[in-house]
PDB file of N, CA and C in Angstrom:
ATOM      1  N   UNK A   1     105.270  76.255  99.658  1.00  0.00           N
ATOM      2  CA  UNK A   1     106.658  75.003  99.107  1.00  0.00           C
ATOM      3  C   UNK A   1     107.545  74.410  99.936  1.00  0.00           C
ATOM      4  N   UNK A   2     107.642  74.649 101.411  1.00  0.00           N
ATOM      5  CA  UNK A   2     108.546  74.353 102.325  1.00  0.00           C
ATOM      6  C   UNK A   2     107.973  72.661 102.509  1.00  0.00           C
ATOM      7  N   UNK A   3     106.374  72.886 102.445  1.00  0.00           N
ATOM      8  CA  UNK A   3     105.929  71.664 103.168  1.00  0.00           C
ATOM      9  C   UNK A   3     106.426  70.631 101.942  1.00  0.00           C
ATOM     10  N   UNK A   4     106.339  70.793 100.688  1.00  0.00           N
ATOM     11  CA  UNK A   4     106.666  70.159  99.142  1.00  0.00           C
ATOM     12  C   UNK A   4     108.135  69.494  99.662  1.00  0.00           C
ATOM     13  N   UNK A   5     109.150  70.221  99.873  1.00  0.00           N
ATOM     14  CA  UNK A   5     110.435  70.014 100.144  1.00  0.00           C
ATOM     15  C   UNK A   5     110.970  69.093 101.389  1.00  0.00           C
ATOM     16  N   UNK A   6     109.791  69.632 102.561  1.00  0.00           N
ATOM     17  CA  UNK A   6     109.854  68.687 103.531  1.00  0.00           C
ATOM     18  C   UNK A   6     109.513  67.225 103.467  1.00  0.00           C
ATOM     19  N   UNK A   7     108.702  66.987 102.648  1.00  0.00           N
ATOM     20  CA  UNK A   7     108.102  65.310 102.324  1.00  0.00           C
ATOM     21  C   UNK A   7     108.990  64.887 101.287  1.00  0.00           C
ATOM     22  N   UNK A   8     109.277  65.584 100.086  1.00  0.00           N
ATOM     23  CA  UNK A   8     110.117  65.191  98.750  1.00  0.00           C
ATOM     24  C   UNK A   8     111.626  65.311  99.015  1.00  0.00           C
ATOM     25  N   UNK A   9     112.051  66.617  99.879  1.00  0.00           N
ATOM     26  CA  UNK A   9     113.593  66.720 100.247  1.00  0.00           C
ATOM     27  C   UNK A   9     113.602  67.695  99.235  1.00  0.00           C
ATOM     28  N   UNK A  10     114.796  68.283  99.710  1.00  0.00           N
ATOM     29  CA  UNK A  10     115.686  69.006  99.192  1.00  0.00           C
ATOM     30  C   UNK A  10     116.206  68.965  97.711  1.00  0.00           C
ATOM     31  N   UNK A  11     116.437  68.104  97.763  1.00  0.00           N
ATOM     32  CA  UNK A  11     117.703  67.266  96.323  1.00  0.00           C
ATOM     33  C   UNK A  11     116.445  66.749  95.318  1.00  0.00           C
ATOM     34  N   UNK A  12     115.362  66.250  95.817  1.00  0.00           N
ATOM     35  CA  UNK A  12     114.411  65.247  94.839  1.00  0.00           C
ATOM     36  C   UNK A  12     113.274  66.630  94.523  1.00  0.00           C
ATOM     37  N   UNK A  13     113.496  67.599  94.685  1.00  0.00           N
ATOM     38  CA  UNK A  13     112.043  68.542  93.595  1.00  0.00           C
ATOM     39  C   UNK A  13     112.918  69.963  93.691  1.00  0.00           C
ATOM     40  N   UNK A  14     112.766  70.312  92.940  1.00  0.00           N
ATOM     41  CA  UNK A  14     114.113  71.964  92.624  1.00  0.00           C
ATOM     42  C   UNK A  14     112.660  72.440  92.995  1.00  0.00           C
ATOM     43  N   UNK A  15     113.150  73.868  93.570  1.00  0.00           N
ATOM     44  CA  UNK A  15     111.937  75.186  93.544  1.00  0.00           C
ATOM     45  C   UNK A  15     111.135  75.198  92.526  1.00  0.00           C
ATOM     46  N   UNK A  16     111.914  75.052  91.125  1.00  0.00           N
ATOM     47  CA  UNK A  16     110.813  75.465  90.005  1.00  0.00           C
ATOM     48  C   UNK A  16     109.930  74.354  89.531  1.00  0.00           C
ATOM     49  N   UNK A  17     110.147  73.416  90.133  1.00  0.00           N
ATOM     50  CA  UNK A  17     109.127  72.325  89.810  1.00  0.00           C
ATOM     51  C   UNK A  17     108.012  72.422  90.809  1.00  0.00           C
ATOM     52  N   UNK A  18     108.577  72.924  91.870  1.00  0.00           N
ATOM     53  CA  UNK A  18     107.729  72.753  93.397  1.00  0.00           C
ATOM     54  C   UNK A  18     106.501  73.585  93.103  1.00  0.00           C
ATOM     55  N   UNK A  19     106.985  74.832  92.718  1.00  0.00           N
ATOM     56  CA  UNK A  19     106.410  76.136  92.327  1.00  0.00           C
ATOM     57  C   UNK A  19     105.128  76.237  91.200  1.00  0.00           C
ATOM     58  N   UNK A  20     106.200  75.220  90.132  1.00  0.00           N
ATOM     59  CA  UNK A  20     104.782  75.138  89.093  1.00  0.00           C
ATOM     60  C   UNK A  20     103.842  74.220  89.747  1.00  0.00           C
ATOM     61  N   UNK A  21     103.665  73.140  90.351  1.00  0.00           N
ATOM     62  CA  UNK A  21     102.543  72.040  90.952  1.00  0.00           C
ATOM     63  C   UNK A  21     102.104  73.014  91.669  1.00  0.00           C
ATOM     64  N   UNK A  22     102.731  73.632  92.496  1.00  0.00           N
ATOM     65  CA  UNK A  22     101.832  74.624  93.190  1.00  0.00           C
ATOM     66  C   UNK A  22     100.952  75.113  93.184  1.00  0.00           C
ATOM     67  N   UNK A  23     101.475  76.148  92.036  1.00  0.00           N
ATOM     68  CA  UNK A  23     100.836  77.111  91.003  1.00  0.00           C
ATOM     69  C   UNK A  23     101.244  78.328  91.722  1.00  0.00           C
ATOM     70  N   UNK A  24     102.519  78.964  92.224  1.00  0.00           N
ATOM     71  CA  UNK A  24     102.868  80.015  92.870  1.00  0.00           C
ATOM     72  C   UNK A  24     104.120  80.237  92.391  1.00  0.00           C
ATOM     73  N   UNK A  25     103.895  81.730  92.102  1.00  0.00           N
ATOM     74  CA  UNK A  25     105.538  82.009  91.212  1.00  0.00           C
ATOM     75  C   UNK A  25     106.260  81.872  92.282  1.00  0.00           C
ATOM     76  N   UNK A  26     107.556  82.039  91.418  1.00  0.00           N
ATOM     77  CA  UNK A  26     109.070  81.840  92.311  1.00  0.00           C
ATOM     78  C   UNK A  26     109.249  82.742  92.869  1.00  0.00           C
ATOM     79  N   UNK A  27     108.701  83.417  92.457  1.00  0.00           N
ATOM     80  CA  UNK A  27     109.302  85.159  93.577  1.00  0.00           C
ATOM     81  C   UNK A  27     108.614  85.533  94.301  1.00  0.00           C
ATOM     82  N   UNK A  28     107.943  84.539  94.663  1.00  0.00           N
ATOM     83  CA  UNK A  28     107.284  84.648  96.261  1.00  0.00           C
ATOM     84  C   UNK A  28     108.572  83.602  97.457  1.00  0.00           C
ATOM     85  N   UNK A  29     109.237  83.244  96.640  1.00  0.00           N
ATOM     86  CA  UNK A  29     109.599  82.154  97.852  1.00  0.00           C
ATOM     87  C   UNK A  29     110.554  82.887  97.985  1.00  0.00           C
ATOM     88  N   UNK A  30     111.644  83.906  97.835  1.00  0.00           N
ATOM     89  CA  UNK A  30     112.353  84.472  97.993  1.00  0.00           C
ATOM     90  C   UNK A  30     112.888  85.346  99.313  1.00  0.00           C
ATOM     91  N   UNK A  31     111.850  85.871  99.721  1.00  0.00           N
ATOM     92  CA  UNK A  31     111.677  86.587 100.808  1.00  0.00           C
ATOM     93  C   UNK A  31     110.703  85.776 101.571  1.00  0.00           C
ATOM     94  N   UNK A  32     110.750  86.145 103.327  1.00  0.00           N
ATOM     95  CA  UNK A  32     109.370  86.468 104.340  1.00  0.00           C
ATOM     96  C   UNK A  32     108.605  87.558 104.254  1.00  0.00           C
ATOM     97  N   UNK A  33     107.333  87.496 104.599  1.00  0.00           N
ATOM     98  CA  UNK A  33     107.080  88.364 104.947  1.00  0.00           C
ATOM     99  C   UNK A  33     107.231  89.434 105.992  1.00  0.00           C
ATOM    100  N   UNK A  34     107.674  90.452 106.335  1.00  0.00           N
ATOM    101  CA  UNK A  34     108.058  91.598 106.962  1.00  0.00           C
ATOM    102  C   UNK A  34     107.240  92.075 107.733  1.00  0.00           C
ATOM    103  N   UNK A  35     106.587  91.809 108.807  1.00  0.00           N
ATOM    104  CA  UNK A  35     105.295  92.376 109.518  1.00  0.00           C
ATOM    105  C   UNK A  35     106.301  93.762 110.132  1.00  0.00           C
ATOM    106  N   UNK A  36     105.715  94.921 109.491  1.00  0.00           N
ATOM    107  CA  UNK A  36     105.563  95.744 111.316  1.00  0.00           C
ATOM    108  C   UNK A  36     105.713  95.698 112.700  1.00  0.00           C
ATOM    109  N   UNK A  37     106.758  96.524 113.066  1.00  0.00           N
ATOM    110  CA  UNK A  37     106.521  95.827 114.802  1.00  0.00           C
ATOM    111  C   UNK A  37     105.126  96.764 114.880  1.00  0.00           C
ATOM    112  N   UNK A  38     104.438  97.840 114.444  1.00  0.00           N
ATOM    113  CA  UNK A  38     103.043  98.404 115.281  1.00  0.00           C
ATOM    114  C   UNK A  38     101.741  97.873 114.454  1.00  0.00           C
ATOM    115  N   UNK A  39     102.191  96.757 113.453  1.00  0.00           N
ATOM    116  CA  UNK A  39     101.241  96.019 112.976  1.00  0.00           C
ATOM    117  C   UNK A  39      99.729  95.633 114.375  1.00  0.00           C
ATOM    118  N   UNK A  40     100.336  95.078 115.140  1.00  0.00           N
ATOM    119  CA  UNK A  40      99.472  94.276 116.127  1.00  0.00           C
ATOM    120  C   UNK A  40      98.087  95.307 116.995  1.00  0.00           C
ATOM    121  N   UNK A  41      99.155  96.608 117.373  1.00  0.00           N
ATOM    122  CA  UNK A  41      98.392  97.551 117.487  1.00  0.00           C
ATOM    123  C   UNK A  41      97.397  98.523 116.662  1.00  0.00           C
ATOM    124  N   UNK A  42      97.896  98.423 115.651  1.00  0.00           N
ATOM    125  CA  UNK A  42      97.092  99.607 114.501  1.00  0.00           C
ATOM    126  C   UNK A  42      96.112  98.609 114.481  1.00  0.00           C
ATOM    127  N   UNK A  43      95.919  96.989 113.977  1.00  0.00           N
ATOM    128  CA  UNK A  43      94.731  95.993 113.857  1.00  0.00           C
ATOM    129  C   UNK A  43      93.740  96.785 115.375  1.00  0.00           C
ATOM    130  N   UNK A  44      94.336  96.275 116.261  1.00  0.00           N
ATOM    131  CA  UNK A  44      93.885  96.461 117.502  1.00  0.00           C
ATOM    132  C   UNK A  44      92.930  97.500 117.396  1.00  0.00           C
ATOM    133  N   UNK A  45      93.532  98.776 117.207  1.00  0.00           N
ATOM    134  CA  UNK A  45      92.959 100.024 116.932  1.00  0.00           C
ATOM    135  C   UNK A  45      91.954 100.168 116.425  1.00  0.00           C
ATOM    136  N   UNK A  46      92.395  99.491 114.740  1.00  0.00           N
ATOM    137  CA  UNK A  46      91.167  99.425 114.039  1.00  0.00           C
ATOM    138  C   UNK A  46      90.083  99.009 114.253  1.00  0.00           C
ATOM    139  N   UNK A  47      90.578  97.720 114.873  1.00  0.00           N
ATOM    140  CA  UNK A  47      88.808  97.200 115.798  1.00  0.00           C
ATOM    141  C   UNK A  47      88.205  97.786 116.241  1.00  0.00           C
ATOM    142  N   UNK A  48      88.929  98.341 117.197  1.00  0.00           N
ATOM    143  CA  UNK A  48      88.155  99.439 118.595  1.00  0.00           C
ATOM    144  C   UNK A  48      87.371 100.460 117.688  1.00  0.00           C
ATOM    145  N   UNK A  49      88.510 101.065 115.986  1.00  0.00           N
ATOM    146  CA  UNK A  49      87.400 101.859 115.621  1.00  0.00           C
ATOM    147  C   UNK A  49      85.951 101.489 115.181  1.00  0.00           C
ATOM    148  N   UNK A  50      86.348 100.778 114.147  1.00  0.00           N
ATOM    149  CA  UNK A  50      84.977  99.713 113.421  1.00  0.00           C
ATOM    150  C   UNK A  50      84.099  99.384 114.270  1.00  0.00           C
ATOM    151  N   UNK A  51      84.174  99.192 115.414  1.00  0.00           N
ATOM    152  CA  UNK A  51      83.212  98.561 116.417  1.00  0.00           C
ATOM    153  C   UNK A  51      82.333  99.916 117.243  1.00  0.00           C
ATOM    154  N   UNK A  52      83.116 101.192 117.154  1.00  0.00           N
ATOM    155  CA  UNK A  52      82.775 102.297 117.840  1.00  0.00           C
ATOM    156  C   UNK A  52      82.196 102.886 117.216  1.00  0.00           C
ATOM    157  N   UNK A  53      82.822 103.184 115.372  1.00  0.00           N
ATOM    158  CA  UNK A  53      81.932 103.761 114.956  1.00  0.00           C
ATOM    159  C   UNK A  53      81.283 102.610 113.460  1.00  0.00           C
ATOM    160  N   UNK A  54      80.314 102.174 113.697  1.00  0.00           N
ATOM    161  CA  UNK A  54      80.088 100.947 113.017  1.00  0.00           C
ATOM    162  C   UNK A  54      80.177 101.437 111.162  1.00  0.00           C
ATOM    163  N   UNK A  55      79.647 102.289 110.817  1.00  0.00           N
ATOM    164  CA  UNK A  55      79.137 102.896 109.732  1.00  0.00           C
ATOM    165  C   UNK A  55      80.445 103.260 109.046  1.00  0.00           C
ATOM    166  N   UNK A  56      81.631 103.046 109.147  1.00  0.00           N
ATOM    167  CA  UNK A  56      82.717 103.870 108.488  1.00  0.00           C
ATOM    168  C   UNK A  56      83.573 102.640 108.037  1.00  0.00           C
ATOM    169  N   UNK A  57      84.038 102.988 106.774  1.00  0.00           N
ATOM    170  CA  UNK A  57      84.351 102.311 106.232  1.00  0.00           C
ATOM    171  C   UNK A  57      86.678 102.448 106.402  1.00  0.00           C
ATOM    172  N   UNK A  58      87.005 102.069 105.561  1.00  0.00           N
ATOM    173  CA  UNK A  58      88.214 101.635 105.451  1.00  0.00           C
ATOM    174  C   UNK A  58      88.811 103.268 105.411  1.00  0.00           C
ATOM    175  N   UNK A  59      88.495 104.440 104.234  1.00  0.00           N
ATOM    176  CA  UNK A  59      88.594 105.721 104.334  1.00  0.00           C
ATOM    177  C   UNK A  59      88.955 106.129 105.257  1.00  0.00           C
ATOM    178  N   UNK A  60      87.479 106.069 105.943  1.00  0.00           N
ATOM    179  CA  UNK A  60      87.468 107.379 107.449  1.00  0.00           C
ATOM    180  C   UNK A  60      88.106 107.092 108.073  1.00  0.00           C
ATOM    181  N   UNK A  61      88.539 104.983 108.708  1.00  0.00           N
ATOM    182  CA  UNK A  61      88.914 104.966 109.499  1.00  0.00           C
ATOM    183  C   UNK A  61      90.246 105.082 109.474  1.00  0.00           C
ATOM    184  N   UNK A  62      91.108 105.271 107.883  1.00  0.00           N
ATOM    185  CA  UNK A  62      92.661 105.525 107.621  1.00  0.00           C
ATOM    186  C   UNK A  62      92.093 106.469 108.562  1.00  0.00           C
ATOM    187  N   UNK A  63      91.537 108.198 108.321  1.00  0.00           N
ATOM    188  CA  UNK A  63      91.624 109.507 108.429  1.00  0.00           C
ATOM    189  C   UNK A  63      91.752 109.266 109.952  1.00  0.00           C
ATOM    190  N   UNK A  64      91.046 108.631 110.995  1.00  0.00           N
ATOM    191  CA  UNK A  64      90.910 108.258 112.389  1.00  0.00           C
ATOM    192  C   UNK A  64      92.372 107.893 112.751  1.00  0.00           C
ATOM    193  N   UNK A  65      93.500 106.944 111.870  1.00  0.00           N
ATOM    194  CA  UNK A  65      94.351 106.238 112.259  1.00  0.00           C
ATOM    195  C   UNK A  65      95.518 107.500 112.270  1.00  0.00           C
ATOM    196  N   UNK A  66      95.486 108.169 111.037  1.00  0.00           N
ATOM    197  CA  UNK A  66      96.483 109.129 110.989  1.00  0.00           C
ATOM    198  C   UNK A  66      96.114 110.436 112.019  1.00  0.00           C
ATOM    199  N   UNK A  67      95.443 110.679 112.124  1.00  0.00           N
ATOM    200  CA  UNK A  67      94.892 111.843 113.103  1.00  0.00           C
ATOM    201  C   UNK A  67      95.576 111.413 114.645  1.00  0.00           C
ATOM    202  N   UNK A  68      95.383 110.010 114.758  1.00  0.00           N
ATOM    203  CA  UNK A  68      95.759 109.985 116.076  1.00  0.00           C
ATOM    204  C   UNK A  68      97.382 109.017 116.706  1.00  0.00           C
ATOM    205  N   UNK A  69      98.229 109.581 114.856  1.00  0.00           N
ATOM    206  CA  UNK A  69      99.609 109.115 114.758  1.00  0.00           C
ATOM    207  C   UNK A  69     100.096 107.879 114.040  1.00  0.00           C
ATOM    208  N   UNK A  70      99.093 107.404 113.657  1.00  0.00           N
ATOM    209  CA  UNK A  70      99.808 106.074 112.502  1.00  0.00           C
ATOM    210  C   UNK A  70     100.048 106.738 111.297  1.00  0.00           C
ATOM    211  N   UNK A  71     100.788 105.786 110.949  1.00  0.00           N
ATOM    212  CA  UNK A  71     101.255 105.992 109.266  1.00  0.00           C
ATOM    213  C   UNK A  71     100.989 105.217 108.312  1.00  0.00           C
ATOM    214  N   UNK A  72      99.690 105.704 107.942  1.00  0.00           N
ATOM    215  CA  UNK A  72      99.233 103.936 107.483  1.00  0.00           C
ATOM    216  C   UNK A  72      98.706 105.441 105.896  1.00  0.00           C
ATOM    217  N   UNK A  73      98.155 104.313 104.968  1.00  0.00           N
ATOM    218  CA  UNK A  73      97.835 104.531 103.366  1.00  0.00           C
ATOM    219  C   UNK A  73      96.424 104.204 103.343  1.00  0.00           C
ATOM    220  N   UNK A  74      95.492 104.205 102.673  1.00  0.00           N
ATOM    221  CA  UNK A  74      94.097 103.568 102.404  1.00  0.00           C
ATOM    222  C   UNK A  74      94.438 102.304 102.623  1.00  0.00           C
ATOM    223  N   UNK A  75      95.027 101.471 101.610  1.00  0.00           N
ATOM    224  CA  UNK A  75      95.097 100.246 101.059  1.00  0.00           C
ATOM    225  C   UNK A  75      95.748  99.495 101.772  1.00  0.00           C
ATOM    226  N   UNK A  76      96.560 100.052 102.672  1.00  0.00           N
ATOM    227  CA  UNK A  76      96.948  99.092 103.762  1.00  0.00           C
ATOM    228  C   UNK A  76      95.938  98.510 104.793  1.00  0.00           C
ATOM    229  N   UNK A  77      95.021 100.022 105.322  1.00  0.00           N
ATOM    230  CA  UNK A  77      93.972  99.655 106.036  1.00  0.00           C
ATOM    231  C   UNK A  77      92.742  99.038 105.781  1.00  0.00           C
ATOM    232  N   UNK A  78      92.904  98.392 104.257  1.00  0.00           N
ATOM    233  CA  UNK A  78      92.323  97.793 103.508  1.00  0.00           C
ATOM    234  C   UNK A  78      92.600  96.766 103.209  1.00  0.00           C
ATOM    235  N   UNK A  79      93.351  96.331 103.517  1.00  0.00           N
ATOM    236  CA  UNK A  79      94.218  94.790 103.064  1.00  0.00           C
ATOM    237  C   UNK A  79      94.307  94.703 104.674  1.00  0.00           C
ATOM    238  N   UNK A  80      94.445  95.244 105.931  1.00  0.00           N
ATOM    239  CA  UNK A  80      94.108  94.762 107.082  1.00  0.00           C
ATOM    240  C   UNK A  80      92.238  94.200 107.553  1.00  0.00           C
ATOM    241  N   UNK A  81      92.346  95.484 107.036  1.00  0.00           N
ATOM    242  CA  UNK A  81      90.188  94.884 107.226  1.00  0.00           C
ATOM    243  C   UNK A  81      90.163  93.754 106.518  1.00  0.00           C
ATOM    244  N   UNK A  82      90.203  93.766 105.463  1.00  0.00           N
ATOM    245  CA  UNK A  82      89.851  92.246 104.833  1.00  0.00           C
ATOM    246  C   UNK A  82      90.575  91.059 105.413  1.00  0.00           C
ATOM    247  N   UNK A  83      91.682  91.224 105.537  1.00  0.00           N
ATOM    248  CA  UNK A  83      92.583  90.118 106.385  1.00  0.00           C
ATOM    249  C   UNK A  83      92.222  89.681 107.260  1.00  0.00           C
ATOM    250  N   UNK A  84      91.434  90.445 108.638  1.00  0.00           N
ATOM    251  CA  UNK A  84      91.388  90.640 109.833  1.00  0.00           C
ATOM    252  C   UNK A  84      89.918  89.881 109.897  1.00  0.00           C
ATOM    253  N   UNK A  85      89.311  90.528 108.577  1.00  0.00           N
ATOM    254  CA  UNK A  85      87.509  90.219 108.986  1.00  0.00           C
ATOM    255  C   UNK A  85      86.798  91.779 109.466  1.00  0.00           C
ATOM    256  N   UNK A  86      87.399  92.559 109.314  1.00  0.00           N
ATOM    257  CA  UNK A  86      86.669  93.769 110.181  1.00  0.00           C
ATOM    258  C   UNK A  86      86.279  94.568 109.360  1.00  0.00           C
ATOM    259  N   UNK A  87      84.579  94.749 109.340  1.00  0.00           N
ATOM    260  CA  UNK A  87      83.823  95.051 108.764  1.00  0.00           C
ATOM    261  C   UNK A  87      83.106  96.313 108.788  1.00  0.00           C
ATOM    262  N   UNK A  88      82.084  96.964 107.963  1.00  0.00           N
ATOM    263  CA  UNK A  88      81.317  98.255 108.672  1.00  0.00           C
ATOM    264  C   UNK A  88      79.742  97.020 108.799  1.00  0.00           C
ATOM    265  N   UNK A  89      79.739  97.687 109.640  1.00  0.00           N
ATOM    266  CA  UNK A  89      78.247  96.929 110.591  1.00  0.00           C
ATOM    267  C   UNK A  89      76.835  97.731 109.706  1.00  0.00           C
TER     268      UNK A  89
END
């Protein structure tokens, strides 16, 4: 939506209309995504574990990460693995 407002100008296109045209819910425009400070280290370690233990999925990698002291749940690990393309070999 920022792109649409930049092209047309904030006074020309309302938030409601821009979101309707883009097919986005208006609630997604309220707040920017907050990236936790440990996410880069978490993704790096997830990649290392996935390459070391090729057959482990997100559930087992979650257990290993918790044993190492990361505060994660299986939903976050699954989402990050999908987002970064980390897969069981």
